[in-house]
């Protein structure tokens, strides 16, 4: 499990370099959204840019402002329990306003 921005950067850079396909899920209050994409740019911790599988899909987030970070290859992000057999790695973060983001690599077996 990781809990530091520095270690999260290493994971995000690995995913950026490998162009790993990610499930990107955002939860904020009564709203949730899921998409697939990849890490496009990690210029600095205040501007991580992910692009989606469809043209025009993109997400930017401020990693440095996250109040909690969690990564564990054995852990499944909250809300993904039914997909536990399909997730290899996940990075979850939350911000002070309650917004949560989970980035997960799916193993594609059975999907």
PDB file of N, CA and C in Angstrom:
ATOM      1  N   UNK A   1       0.841  -1.163   0.000  1.00  0.00           N
ATOM      2  CA  UNK A   1       0.000   0.000   0.000  1.00  0.00           C
ATOM      3  C   UNK A   1       0.898   1.241   0.000  1.00  0.00           C
ATOM      4  N   UNK A   2       0.513   2.276  -0.720  1.00  0.00           N
ATOM      5  CA  UNK A   2       1.276   3.520  -0.694  1.00  0.00           C
ATOM      6  C   UNK A   2       0.414   4.626  -0.139  1.00  0.00           C
ATOM      7  N   UNK A   3       1.063   5.639   0.360  1.00  0.00           N
ATOM      8  CA  UNK A   3       0.304   6.751   0.894  1.00  0.00           C
ATOM      9  C   UNK A   3       1.030   8.074   0.691  1.00  0.00           C
ATOM     10  N   UNK A   4       1.959   8.129  -0.262  1.00  0.00           N
ATOM     11  CA  UNK A   4       2.667   9.385  -0.501  1.00  0.00           C
ATOM     12  C   UNK A   4       2.536   9.801  -1.962  1.00  0.00           C
ATOM     13  N   UNK A   5       2.555  11.099  -2.169  1.00  0.00           N
ATOM     14  CA  UNK A   5       2.475  11.640  -3.524  1.00  0.00           C
ATOM     15  C   UNK A   5       3.645  11.137  -4.361  1.00  0.00           C
ATOM     16  N   UNK A   6       4.825  11.067  -3.763  1.00  0.00           N
ATOM     17  CA  UNK A   6       6.018  10.638  -4.500  1.00  0.00           C
ATOM     18  C   UNK A   6       5.859   9.221  -5.048  1.00  0.00           C
ATOM     19  N   UNK A   7       5.323   8.325  -4.226  1.00  0.00           N
ATOM     20  CA  UNK A   7       5.127   6.949  -4.687  1.00  0.00           C
ATOM     21  C   UNK A   7       4.000   6.873  -5.710  1.00  0.00           C
ATOM     22  N   UNK A   8       2.954   7.683  -5.534  1.00  0.00           N
ATOM     23  CA  UNK A   8       1.869   7.717  -6.516  1.00  0.00           C
ATOM     24  C   UNK A   8       2.390   8.200  -7.869  1.00  0.00           C
ATOM     25  N   UNK A   9       3.303   9.165  -7.848  1.00  0.00           N
ATOM     26  CA  UNK A   9       3.912   9.670  -9.098  1.00  0.00           C
ATOM     27  C   UNK A   9       4.630   8.542  -9.820  1.00  0.00           C
ATOM     28  N   UNK A  10       5.361   7.710  -9.088  1.00  0.00           N
ATOM     29  CA  UNK A  10       6.073   6.599  -9.715  1.00  0.00           C
ATOM     30  C   UNK A  10       5.101   5.647 -10.409  1.00  0.00           C
ATOM     31  N   UNK A  11       3.984   5.359  -9.756  1.00  0.00           N
ATOM     32  CA  UNK A  11       2.976   4.471 -10.345  1.00  0.00           C
ATOM     33  C   UNK A  11       2.362   5.120 -11.583  1.00  0.00           C
ATOM     34  N   UNK A  12       1.987   6.397 -11.479  1.00  0.00           N
ATOM     35  CA  UNK A  12       1.381   7.099 -12.619  1.00  0.00           C
ATOM     36  C   UNK A  12       2.357   7.188 -13.794  1.00  0.00           C
ATOM     37  N   UNK A  13       3.643   7.423 -13.510  1.00  0.00           N
ATOM     38  CA  UNK A  13       4.652   7.469 -14.586  1.00  0.00           C
ATOM     39  C   UNK A  13       4.785   6.099 -15.263  1.00  0.00           C
ATOM     40  N   UNK A  14       4.736   5.037 -14.468  1.00  0.00           N
ATOM     41  CA  UNK A  14       4.802   3.680 -15.027  1.00  0.00           C
ATOM     42  C   UNK A  14       3.614   3.475 -15.969  1.00  0.00           C
ATOM     43  N   UNK A  15       2.426   3.868 -15.522  1.00  0.00           N
ATOM     44  CA  UNK A  15       1.235   3.712 -16.351  1.00  0.00           C
ATOM     45  C   UNK A  15       1.299   4.601 -17.587  1.00  0.00           C
ATOM     46  N   UNK A  16       1.871   5.800 -17.441  1.00  0.00           N
ATOM     47  CA  UNK A  16       2.023   6.702 -18.590  1.00  0.00           C
ATOM     48  C   UNK A  16       2.969   6.090 -19.621  1.00  0.00           C
ATOM     49  N   UNK A  17       4.102   5.597 -19.177  1.00  0.00           N
ATOM     50  CA  UNK A  17       5.107   5.007 -20.064  1.00  0.00           C
ATOM     51  C   UNK A  17       4.575   3.781 -20.789  1.00  0.00           C
ATOM     52  N   UNK A  18       3.813   2.964 -20.087  1.00  0.00           N
ATOM     53  CA  UNK A  18       3.300   1.725 -20.686  1.00  0.00           C
ATOM     54  C   UNK A  18       1.983   1.922 -21.438  1.00  0.00           C
ATOM     55  N   UNK A  19       1.436   3.140 -21.382  1.00  0.00           N
ATOM     56  CA  UNK A  19       0.125   3.435 -21.997  1.00  0.00           C
ATOM     57  C   UNK A  19      -0.949   2.463 -21.507  1.00  0.00           C
ATOM     58  N   UNK A  20      -0.874   2.110 -20.236  1.00  0.00           N
ATOM     59  CA  UNK A  20      -1.835   1.172 -19.649  1.00  0.00           C
ATOM     60  C   UNK A  20      -3.259   1.694 -19.780  1.00  0.00           C
ATOM     61  N   UNK A  21      -4.172   0.790 -20.135  1.00  0.00           N
ATOM     62  CA  UNK A  21      -5.594   1.134 -20.225  1.00  0.00           C
ATOM     63  C   UNK A  21      -6.167   1.115 -18.815  1.00  0.00           C
ATOM     64  N   UNK A  22      -6.745   2.238 -18.411  1.00  0.00           N
ATOM     65  CA  UNK A  22      -7.253   2.399 -17.057  1.00  0.00           C
ATOM     66  C   UNK A  22      -8.763   2.541 -17.036  1.00  0.00           C
ATOM     67  N   UNK A  23      -9.376   2.041 -15.983  1.00  0.00           N
ATOM     68  CA  UNK A  23     -10.768   2.382 -15.667  1.00  0.00           C
ATOM     69  C   UNK A  23     -10.654   3.599 -14.760  1.00  0.00           C
ATOM     70  N   UNK A  24     -11.270   4.703 -15.159  1.00  0.00           N
ATOM     71  CA  UNK A  24     -11.208   5.939 -14.399  1.00  0.00           C
ATOM     72  C   UNK A  24     -12.593   6.197 -13.818  1.00  0.00           C
ATOM     73  N   UNK A  25     -12.699   6.229 -12.503  1.00  0.00           N
ATOM     74  CA  UNK A  25     -13.993   6.425 -11.850  1.00  0.00           C
ATOM     75  C   UNK A  25     -13.909   7.614 -10.903  1.00  0.00           C
ATOM     76  N   UNK A  26     -14.858   8.537 -11.059  1.00  0.00           N
ATOM     77  CA  UNK A  26     -14.931   9.731 -10.221  1.00  0.00           C
ATOM     78  C   UNK A  26     -16.229   9.680  -9.432  1.00  0.00           C
ATOM     79  N   UNK A  27     -16.143   9.976  -8.147  1.00  0.00           N
ATOM     80  CA  UNK A  27     -17.304  10.005  -7.271  1.00  0.00           C
ATOM     81  C   UNK A  27     -17.312  11.351  -6.559  1.00  0.00           C
ATOM     82  N   UNK A  28     -18.402  12.078  -6.681  1.00  0.00           N
ATOM     83  CA  UNK A  28     -18.526  13.368  -6.004  1.00  0.00           C
ATOM     84  C   UNK A  28     -19.980  13.556  -5.588  1.00  0.00           C
ATOM     85  N   UNK A  29     -20.222  13.453  -4.304  1.00  0.00           N
ATOM     86  CA  UNK A  29     -21.596  13.571  -3.811  1.00  0.00           C
ATOM     87  C   UNK A  29     -22.483  12.523  -4.463  1.00  0.00           C
ATOM     88  N   UNK A  30     -23.611  12.939  -5.026  1.00  0.00           N
ATOM     89  CA  UNK A  30     -24.540  11.981  -5.626  1.00  0.00           C
ATOM     90  C   UNK A  30     -24.171  11.594  -7.065  1.00  0.00           C
ATOM     91  N   UNK A  31     -23.022  12.068  -7.552  1.00  0.00           N
ATOM     92  CA  UNK A  31     -22.640  11.833  -8.948  1.00  0.00           C
ATOM     93  C   UNK A  31     -21.452  10.886  -9.026  1.00  0.00           C
ATOM     94  N   UNK A  32     -21.521   9.931  -9.953  1.00  0.00           N
ATOM     95  CA  UNK A  32     -20.362   9.089 -10.240  1.00  0.00           C
ATOM     96  C   UNK A  32     -20.250   8.936 -11.748  1.00  0.00           C
ATOM     97  N   UNK A  33     -19.024   8.795 -12.230  1.00  0.00           N
ATOM     98  CA  UNK A  33     -18.774   8.642 -13.648  1.00  0.00           C
ATOM     99  C   UNK A  33     -17.636   7.665 -13.840  1.00  0.00           C
ATOM    100  N   UNK A  34     -17.768   6.779 -14.795  1.00  0.00           N
ATOM    101  CA  UNK A  34     -16.722   5.824 -15.114  1.00  0.00           C
ATOM    102  C   UNK A  34     -16.394   5.920 -16.589  1.00  0.00           C
ATOM    103  N   UNK A  35     -15.120   5.855 -16.894  1.00  0.00           N
ATOM    104  CA  UNK A  35     -14.655   5.901 -18.275  1.00  0.00           C
ATOM    105  C   UNK A  35     -13.398   5.048 -18.362  1.00  0.00           C
ATOM    106  N   UNK A  36     -12.930   4.814 -19.559  1.00  0.00           N
ATOM    107  CA  UNK A  36     -11.652   4.143 -19.771  1.00  0.00           C
ATOM    108  C   UNK A  36     -10.710   5.115 -20.459  1.00  0.00           C
ATOM    109  N   UNK A  37      -9.441   5.024 -20.152  1.00  0.00           N
ATOM    110  CA  UNK A  37      -8.464   5.917 -20.773  1.00  0.00           C
ATOM    111  C   UNK A  37      -7.067   5.564 -20.328  1.00  0.00           C
ATOM    112  N   UNK A  38      -6.184   6.546 -20.404  1.00  0.00           N
ATOM    113  CA  UNK A  38      -4.792   6.334 -20.018  1.00  0.00           C
ATOM    114  C   UNK A  38      -4.201   7.642 -19.506  1.00  0.00           C
ATOM    115  N   UNK A  39      -3.091   7.548 -18.796  1.00  0.00           N
ATOM    116  CA  UNK A  39      -2.388   8.739 -18.331  1.00  0.00           C
ATOM    117  C   UNK A  39      -1.692   9.347 -19.543  1.00  0.00           C
ATOM    118  N   UNK A  40      -2.005  10.587 -19.841  1.00  0.00           N
ATOM    119  CA  UNK A  40      -1.422  11.274 -20.994  1.00  0.00           C
ATOM    120  C   UNK A  40      -0.216  12.109 -20.601  1.00  0.00           C
ATOM    121  N   UNK A  41      -0.313  12.813 -19.484  1.00  0.00           N
ATOM    122  CA  UNK A  41       0.761  13.714 -19.094  1.00  0.00           C
ATOM    123  C   UNK A  41       0.814  13.853 -17.579  1.00  0.00           C
ATOM    124  N   UNK A  42       2.009  13.844 -17.080  1.00  0.00           N
ATOM    125  CA  UNK A  42       2.240  14.024 -15.657  1.00  0.00           C
ATOM    126  C   UNK A  42       3.316  15.085 -15.514  1.00  0.00           C
ATOM    127  N   UNK A  43       2.964  16.314 -15.951  1.00  0.00           N
ATOM    128  CA  UNK A  43       3.922  17.416 -15.955  1.00  0.00           C
ATOM    129  C   UNK A  43       4.355  17.774 -14.536  1.00  0.00           C
ATOM    130  N   UNK A  44       3.404  17.832 -13.631  1.00  0.00           N
ATOM    131  CA  UNK A  44       3.697  18.064 -12.225  1.00  0.00           C
ATOM    132  C   UNK A  44       2.526  17.533 -11.410  1.00  0.00           C
ATOM    133  N   UNK A  45       2.663  17.540 -10.109  1.00  0.00           N
ATOM    134  CA  UNK A  45       1.633  16.927  -9.270  1.00  0.00           C
ATOM    135  C   UNK A  45       0.330  17.706  -9.222  1.00  0.00           C
ATOM    136  N   UNK A  46       0.344  18.957  -9.686  1.00  0.00           N
ATOM    137  CA  UNK A  46      -0.887  19.735  -9.649  1.00  0.00           C
ATOM    138  C   UNK A  46      -1.675  19.624 -10.947  1.00  0.00           C
ATOM    139  N   UNK A  47      -1.135  18.920 -11.934  1.00  0.00           N
ATOM    140  CA  UNK A  47      -1.847  18.803 -13.201  1.00  0.00           C
ATOM    141  C   UNK A  47      -1.572  17.453 -13.856  1.00  0.00           C
ATOM    142  N   UNK A  48      -2.269  16.430 -13.386  1.00  0.00           N
ATOM    143  CA  UNK A  48      -2.187  15.114 -13.998  1.00  0.00           C
ATOM    144  C   UNK A  48      -3.311  15.043 -15.023  1.00  0.00           C
ATOM    145  N   UNK A  49      -2.988  14.654 -16.240  1.00  0.00           N
ATOM    146  CA  UNK A  49      -3.948  14.668 -17.334  1.00  0.00           C
ATOM    147  C   UNK A  49      -4.155  13.251 -17.842  1.00  0.00           C
ATOM    148  N   UNK A  50      -5.399  12.813 -17.858  1.00  0.00           N
ATOM    149  CA  UNK A  50      -5.769  11.514 -18.412  1.00  0.00           C
ATOM    150  C   UNK A  50      -6.697  11.754 -19.589  1.00  0.00           C
ATOM    151  N   UNK A  51      -6.523  10.976 -20.648  1.00  0.00           N
ATOM    152  CA  UNK A  51      -7.445  11.086 -21.776  1.00  0.00           C
ATOM    153  C   UNK A  51      -8.236   9.800 -21.886  1.00  0.00           C
ATOM    154  N   UNK A  52      -9.471   9.948 -22.343  1.00  0.00           N
ATOM    155  CA  UNK A  52     -10.357   8.808 -22.446  1.00  0.00           C
ATOM    156  C   UNK A  52     -10.212   8.078 -23.759  1.00  0.00           C
ATOM    157  N   UNK A  53     -10.916   6.975 -23.848  1.00  0.00           N
ATOM    158  CA  UNK A  53     -10.880   6.148 -25.055  1.00  0.00           C
ATOM    159  C   UNK A  53     -11.599   6.832 -26.215  1.00  0.00           C
ATOM    160  N   UNK A  54     -12.531   7.714 -25.920  1.00  0.00           N
ATOM    161  CA  UNK A  54     -13.270   8.431 -26.958  1.00  0.00           C
ATOM    162  C   UNK A  54     -12.689   9.826 -27.143  1.00  0.00           C
ATOM    163  N   UNK A  55     -12.733  10.345 -28.351  1.00  0.00           N
ATOM    164  CA  UNK A  55     -12.241  11.691 -28.629  1.00  0.00           C
ATOM    165  C   UNK A  55     -12.969  12.699 -27.746  1.00  0.00           C
ATOM    166  N   UNK A  56     -12.234  13.584 -27.149  1.00  0.00           N
ATOM    167  CA  UNK A  56     -12.823  14.612 -26.309  1.00  0.00           C
ATOM    168  C   UNK A  56     -12.943  14.247 -24.842  1.00  0.00           C
ATOM    169  N   UNK A  57     -12.807  12.960 -24.508  1.00  0.00           N
ATOM    170  CA  UNK A  57     -12.853  12.546 -23.103  1.00  0.00           C
ATOM    171  C   UNK A  57     -11.518  12.878 -22.453  1.00  0.00           C
ATOM    172  N   UNK A  58     -11.545  13.660 -21.417  1.00  0.00           N
ATOM    173  CA  UNK A  58     -10.316  13.935 -20.684  1.00  0.00           C
ATOM    174  C   UNK A  58     -10.639  14.289 -19.248  1.00  0.00           C
ATOM    175  N   UNK A  59      -9.635  14.145 -18.402  1.00  0.00           N
ATOM    176  CA  UNK A  59      -9.784  14.452 -16.989  1.00  0.00           C
ATOM    177  C   UNK A  59      -8.447  14.988 -16.505  1.00  0.00           C
ATOM    178  N   UNK A  60      -8.500  16.040 -15.742  1.00  0.00           N
ATOM    179  CA  UNK A  60      -7.309  16.579 -15.085  1.00  0.00           C
ATOM    180  C   UNK A  60      -7.571  16.588 -13.590  1.00  0.00           C
ATOM    181  N   UNK A  61      -6.532  16.305 -12.811  1.00  0.00           N
ATOM    182  CA  UNK A  61      -6.701  16.355 -11.365  1.00  0.00           C
ATOM    183  C   UNK A  61      -5.412  16.794 -10.695  1.00  0.00           C
ATOM    184  N   UNK A  62      -5.571  17.323  -9.480  1.00  0.00           N
ATOM    185  CA  UNK A  62      -4.471  17.841  -8.685  1.00  0.00           C
ATOM    186  C   UNK A  62      -4.086  16.794  -7.643  1.00  0.00           C
ATOM    187  N   UNK A  63      -3.087  16.015  -7.957  1.00  0.00           N
ATOM    188  CA  UNK A  63      -2.627  14.959  -7.062  1.00  0.00           C
ATOM    189  C   UNK A  63      -2.090  15.534  -5.751  1.00  0.00           C
ATOM    190  N   UNK A  64      -1.372  16.642  -5.838  1.00  0.00           N
ATOM    191  CA  UNK A  64      -0.763  17.239  -4.650  1.00  0.00           C
ATOM    192  C   UNK A  64      -1.808  17.698  -3.635  1.00  0.00           C
ATOM    193  N   UNK A  65      -3.007  18.032  -4.094  1.00  0.00           N
ATOM    194  CA  UNK A  65      -4.058  18.514  -3.197  1.00  0.00           C
ATOM    195  C   UNK A  65      -4.872  17.383  -2.574  1.00  0.00           C
ATOM    196  N   UNK A  66      -4.635  16.138  -3.001  1.00  0.00           N
ATOM    197  CA  UNK A  66      -5.385  15.002  -2.440  1.00  0.00           C
ATOM    198  C   UNK A  66      -5.082  14.873  -0.952  1.00  0.00           C
ATOM    199  N   UNK A  67      -6.113  14.617  -0.178  1.00  0.00           N
ATOM    200  CA  UNK A  67      -5.934  14.467   1.267  1.00  0.00           C
ATOM    201  C   UNK A  67      -5.667  13.018   1.660  1.00  0.00           C
ATOM    202  N   UNK A  68      -5.949  12.086   0.746  1.00  0.00           N
ATOM    203  CA  UNK A  68      -5.589  10.691   1.012  1.00  0.00           C
ATOM    204  C   UNK A  68      -5.275   9.987  -0.301  1.00  0.00           C
ATOM    205  N   UNK A  69      -4.330   9.078  -0.240  1.00  0.00           N
ATOM    206  CA  UNK A  69      -3.900   8.273  -1.382  1.00  0.00           C
ATOM    207  C   UNK A  69      -3.783   6.831  -0.918  1.00  0.00           C
ATOM    208  N   UNK A  70      -4.160   5.913  -1.798  1.00  0.00           N
ATOM    209  CA  UNK A  70      -4.043   4.503  -1.449  1.00  0.00           C
ATOM    210  C   UNK A  70      -3.803   3.700  -2.714  1.00  0.00           C
ATOM    211  N   UNK A  71      -2.799   2.867  -2.685  1.00  0.00           N
ATOM    212  CA  UNK A  71      -2.572   1.950  -3.789  1.00  0.00           C
ATOM    213  C   UNK A  71      -2.148   0.621  -3.229  1.00  0.00           C
ATOM    214  N   UNK A  72      -2.763  -0.401  -3.769  1.00  0.00           N
ATOM    215  CA  UNK A  72      -2.413  -1.743  -3.341  1.00  0.00           C
ATOM    216  C   UNK A  72      -2.845  -2.673  -4.451  1.00  0.00           C
ATOM    217  N   UNK A  73      -1.941  -3.478  -4.939  1.00  0.00           N
ATOM    218  CA  UNK A  73      -2.299  -4.371  -6.042  1.00  0.00           C
ATOM    219  C   UNK A  73      -3.356  -5.385  -5.616  1.00  0.00           C
ATOM    220  N   UNK A  74      -3.482  -5.621  -4.324  1.00  0.00           N
ATOM    221  CA  UNK A  74      -4.488  -6.580  -3.852  1.00  0.00           C
ATOM    222  C   UNK A  74      -5.797  -5.900  -3.460  1.00  0.00           C
ATOM    223  N   UNK A  75      -5.783  -4.571  -3.324  1.00  0.00           N
ATOM    224  CA  UNK A  75      -6.972  -3.858  -2.873  1.00  0.00           C
ATOM    225  C   UNK A  75      -7.883  -3.523  -4.043  1.00  0.00           C
ATOM    226  N   UNK A  76      -9.144  -3.433  -3.757  1.00  0.00           N
ATOM    227  CA  UNK A  76     -10.136  -3.044  -4.755  1.00  0.00           C
ATOM    228  C   UNK A  76     -10.765  -1.752  -4.270  1.00  0.00           C
ATOM    229  N   UNK A  77     -10.829  -0.725  -5.121  1.00  0.00           N
ATOM    230  CA  UNK A  77     -11.416   0.541  -4.680  1.00  0.00           C
ATOM    231  C   UNK A  77     -12.865   0.362  -4.242  1.00  0.00           C
ATOM    232  N   UNK A  78     -13.273   1.175  -3.293  1.00  0.00           N
ATOM    233  CA  UNK A  78     -14.657   1.147  -2.819  1.00  0.00           C
ATOM    234  C   UNK A  78     -15.608   1.315  -4.002  1.00  0.00           C
ATOM    235  N   UNK A  79     -16.606   0.479  -4.066  1.00  0.00           N
ATOM    236  CA  UNK A  79     -17.564   0.528  -5.166  1.00  0.00           C
ATOM    237  C   UNK A  79     -17.257  -0.469  -6.268  1.00  0.00           C
ATOM    238  N   UNK A  80     -16.070  -1.083  -6.222  1.00  0.00           N
ATOM    239  CA  UNK A  80     -15.651  -2.018  -7.265  1.00  0.00           C
ATOM    240  C   UNK A  80     -15.625  -3.468  -6.786  1.00  0.00           C
ATOM    241  N   UNK A  81     -16.168  -3.754  -5.627  1.00  0.00           N
ATOM    242  CA  UNK A  81     -16.122  -5.095  -5.074  1.00  0.00           C
ATOM    243  C   UNK A  81     -16.563  -6.177  -6.054  1.00  0.00           C
ATOM    244  N   UNK A  82     -17.626  -5.954  -6.860  1.00  0.00           N
ATOM    245  CA  UNK A  82     -18.031  -6.992  -7.825  1.00  0.00           C
ATOM    246  C   UNK A  82     -16.985  -7.256  -8.920  1.00  0.00           C
ATOM    247  N   UNK A  83     -16.058  -6.316  -9.103  1.00  0.00           N
ATOM    248  CA  UNK A  83     -15.042  -6.463 -10.151  1.00  0.00           C
ATOM    249  C   UNK A  83     -13.698  -6.939  -9.611  1.00  0.00           C
ATOM    250  N   UNK A  84     -13.643  -7.367  -8.368  1.00  0.00           N
ATOM    251  CA  UNK A  84     -12.372  -7.713  -7.726  1.00  0.00           C
ATOM    252  C   UNK A  84     -11.531  -8.700  -8.531  1.00  0.00           C
ATOM    253  N   UNK A  85     -12.171  -9.654  -9.183  1.00  0.00           N
ATOM    254  CA  UNK A  85     -11.422 -10.650  -9.955  1.00  0.00           C
ATOM    255  C   UNK A  85     -10.825 -10.074 -11.235  1.00  0.00           C
ATOM    256  N   UNK A  86     -11.235  -8.880 -11.615  1.00  0.00           N
ATOM    257  CA  UNK A  86     -10.807  -8.307 -12.884  1.00  0.00           C
ATOM    258  C   UNK A  86      -9.823  -7.150 -12.727  1.00  0.00           C
ATOM    259  N   UNK A  87      -9.509  -6.733 -11.501  1.00  0.00           N
ATOM    260  CA  UNK A  87      -8.644  -5.577 -11.277  1.00  0.00           C
ATOM    261  C   UNK A  87      -7.278  -6.037 -10.794  1.00  0.00           C
ATOM    262  N   UNK A  88      -6.228  -5.619 -11.522  1.00  0.00           N
ATOM    263  CA  UNK A  88      -4.860  -5.967 -11.157  1.00  0.00           C
ATOM    264  C   UNK A  88      -4.243  -4.961 -10.189  1.00  0.00           C
ATOM    265  N   UNK A  89      -4.440  -3.676 -10.460  1.00  0.00           N
ATOM    266  CA  UNK A  89      -3.815  -2.613  -9.687  1.00  0.00           C
ATOM    267  C   UNK A  89      -4.783  -1.455  -9.606  1.00  0.00           C
ATOM    268  N   UNK A  90      -4.749  -0.721  -8.507  1.00  0.00           N
ATOM    269  CA  UNK A  90      -5.586   0.466  -8.427  1.00  0.00           C
ATOM    270  C   UNK A  90      -4.923   1.536  -7.579  1.00  0.00           C
ATOM    271  N   UNK A  91      -5.194   2.772  -7.932  1.00  0.00           N
ATOM    272  CA  UNK A  91      -4.735   3.945  -7.196  1.00  0.00           C
ATOM    273  C   UNK A  91      -5.975   4.762  -6.895  1.00  0.00           C
ATOM    274  N   UNK A  92      -6.235   4.982  -5.620  1.00  0.00           N
ATOM    275  CA  UNK A  92      -7.411   5.743  -5.204  1.00  0.00           C
ATOM    276  C   UNK A  92      -6.959   6.977  -4.455  1.00  0.00           C
ATOM    277  N   UNK A  93      -7.683   8.061  -4.648  1.00  0.00           N
ATOM    278  CA  UNK A  93      -7.369   9.303  -3.952  1.00  0.00           C
ATOM    279  C   UNK A  93      -8.651  10.020  -3.599  1.00  0.00           C
ATOM    280  N   UNK A  94      -8.564  10.891  -2.605  1.00  0.00           N
ATOM    281  CA  UNK A  94      -9.723  11.671  -2.183  1.00  0.00           C
ATOM    282  C   UNK A  94      -9.263  13.081  -1.846  1.00  0.00           C
ATOM    283  N   UNK A  95     -10.200  14.011  -1.966  1.00  0.00           N
ATOM    284  CA  UNK A  95      -9.931  15.405  -1.664  1.00  0.00           C
ATOM    285  C   UNK A  95     -10.816  15.855  -0.513  1.00  0.00           C
ATOM    286  N   UNK A  96     -10.460  16.973   0.077  1.00  0.00           N
ATOM    287  CA  UNK A  96     -11.150  17.492   1.249  1.00  0.00           C
ATOM    288  C   UNK A  96     -12.655  17.663   1.036  1.00  0.00           C
ATOM    289  N   UNK A  97     -13.083  17.988  -0.180  1.00  0.00           N
ATOM    290  CA  UNK A  97     -14.513  18.205  -0.442  1.00  0.00           C
ATOM    291  C   UNK A  97     -15.302  16.905  -0.589  1.00  0.00           C
ATOM    292  N   UNK A  98     -14.621  15.750  -0.447  1.00  0.00           N
ATOM    293  CA  UNK A  98     -15.293  14.458  -0.539  1.00  0.00           C
ATOM    294  C   UNK A  98     -15.205  13.803  -1.906  1.00  0.00           C
ATOM    295  N   UNK A  99     -14.685  14.499  -2.901  1.00  0.00           N
ATOM    296  CA  UNK A  99     -14.504  13.920  -4.229  1.00  0.00           C
ATOM    297  C   UNK A  99     -13.493  12.790  -4.144  1.00  0.00           C
ATOM    298  N   UNK A 100     -13.810  11.670  -4.806  1.00  0.00           N
ATOM    299  CA  UNK A 100     -12.904  10.521  -4.848  1.00  0.00           C
ATOM    300  C   UNK A 100     -12.638  10.144  -6.296  1.00  0.00           C
ATOM    301  N   UNK A 101     -11.442   9.667  -6.560  1.00  0.00           N
ATOM    302  CA  UNK A 101     -11.052   9.205  -7.890  1.00  0.00           C
ATOM    303  C   UNK A 101     -10.341   7.878  -7.740  1.00  0.00           C
ATOM    304  N   UNK A 102     -10.726   6.911  -8.561  1.00  0.00           N
ATOM    305  CA  UNK A 102     -10.037   5.620  -8.596  1.00  0.00           C
ATOM    306  C   UNK A 102      -9.570   5.369 -10.016  1.00  0.00           C
ATOM    307  N   UNK A 103      -8.302   5.037 -10.164  1.00  0.00           N
ATOM    308  CA  UNK A 103      -7.719   4.624 -11.431  1.00  0.00           C
ATOM    309  C   UNK A 103      -7.331   3.165 -11.266  1.00  0.00           C
ATOM    310  N   UNK A 104      -7.823   2.312 -12.133  1.00  0.00           N
ATOM    311  CA  UNK A 104      -7.586   0.867 -11.993  1.00  0.00           C
ATOM    312  C   UNK A 104      -7.147   0.253 -13.311  1.00  0.00           C
ATOM    313  N   UNK A 105      -6.237  -0.703 -13.232  1.00  0.00           N
ATOM    314  CA  UNK A 105      -5.860  -1.501 -14.393  1.00  0.00           C
ATOM    315  C   UNK A 105      -6.619  -2.806 -14.301  1.00  0.00           C
ATOM    316  N   UNK A 106      -7.354  -3.109 -15.354  1.00  0.00           N
ATOM    317  CA  UNK A 106      -8.121  -4.343 -15.400  1.00  0.00           C
ATOM    318  C   UNK A 106      -7.280  -5.428 -16.048  1.00  0.00           C
ATOM    319  N   UNK A 107      -7.431  -6.654 -15.589  1.00  0.00           N
ATOM    320  CA  UNK A 107      -6.637  -7.739 -16.156  1.00  0.00           C
ATOM    321  C   UNK A 107      -7.236  -8.322 -17.440  1.00  0.00           C
ATOM    322  N   UNK A 108      -8.394  -7.863 -17.827  1.00  0.00           N
ATOM    323  CA  UNK A 108      -9.070  -8.211 -19.089  1.00  0.00           C
ATOM    324  C   UNK A 108      -9.577  -9.640 -19.134  1.00  0.00           C
ATOM    325  N   UNK A 109      -9.261 -10.492 -18.181  1.00  0.00           N
ATOM    326  CA  UNK A 109      -9.772 -11.854 -18.167  1.00  0.00           C
ATOM    327  C   UNK A 109     -11.257 -11.786 -17.835  1.00  0.00           C
ATOM    328  N   UNK A 110     -12.062 -12.275 -18.715  1.00  0.00           N
ATOM    329  CA  UNK A 110     -13.491 -12.296 -18.479  1.00  0.00           C
ATOM    330  C   UNK A 110     -14.205 -11.007 -18.832  1.00  0.00           C
ATOM    331  N   UNK A 111     -13.480  -9.974 -19.240  1.00  0.00           N
ATOM    332  CA  UNK A 111     -14.127  -8.723 -19.609  1.00  0.00           C
ATOM    333  C   UNK A 111     -14.324  -8.643 -21.108  1.00  0.00           C
TER     334      UNK A 111
END
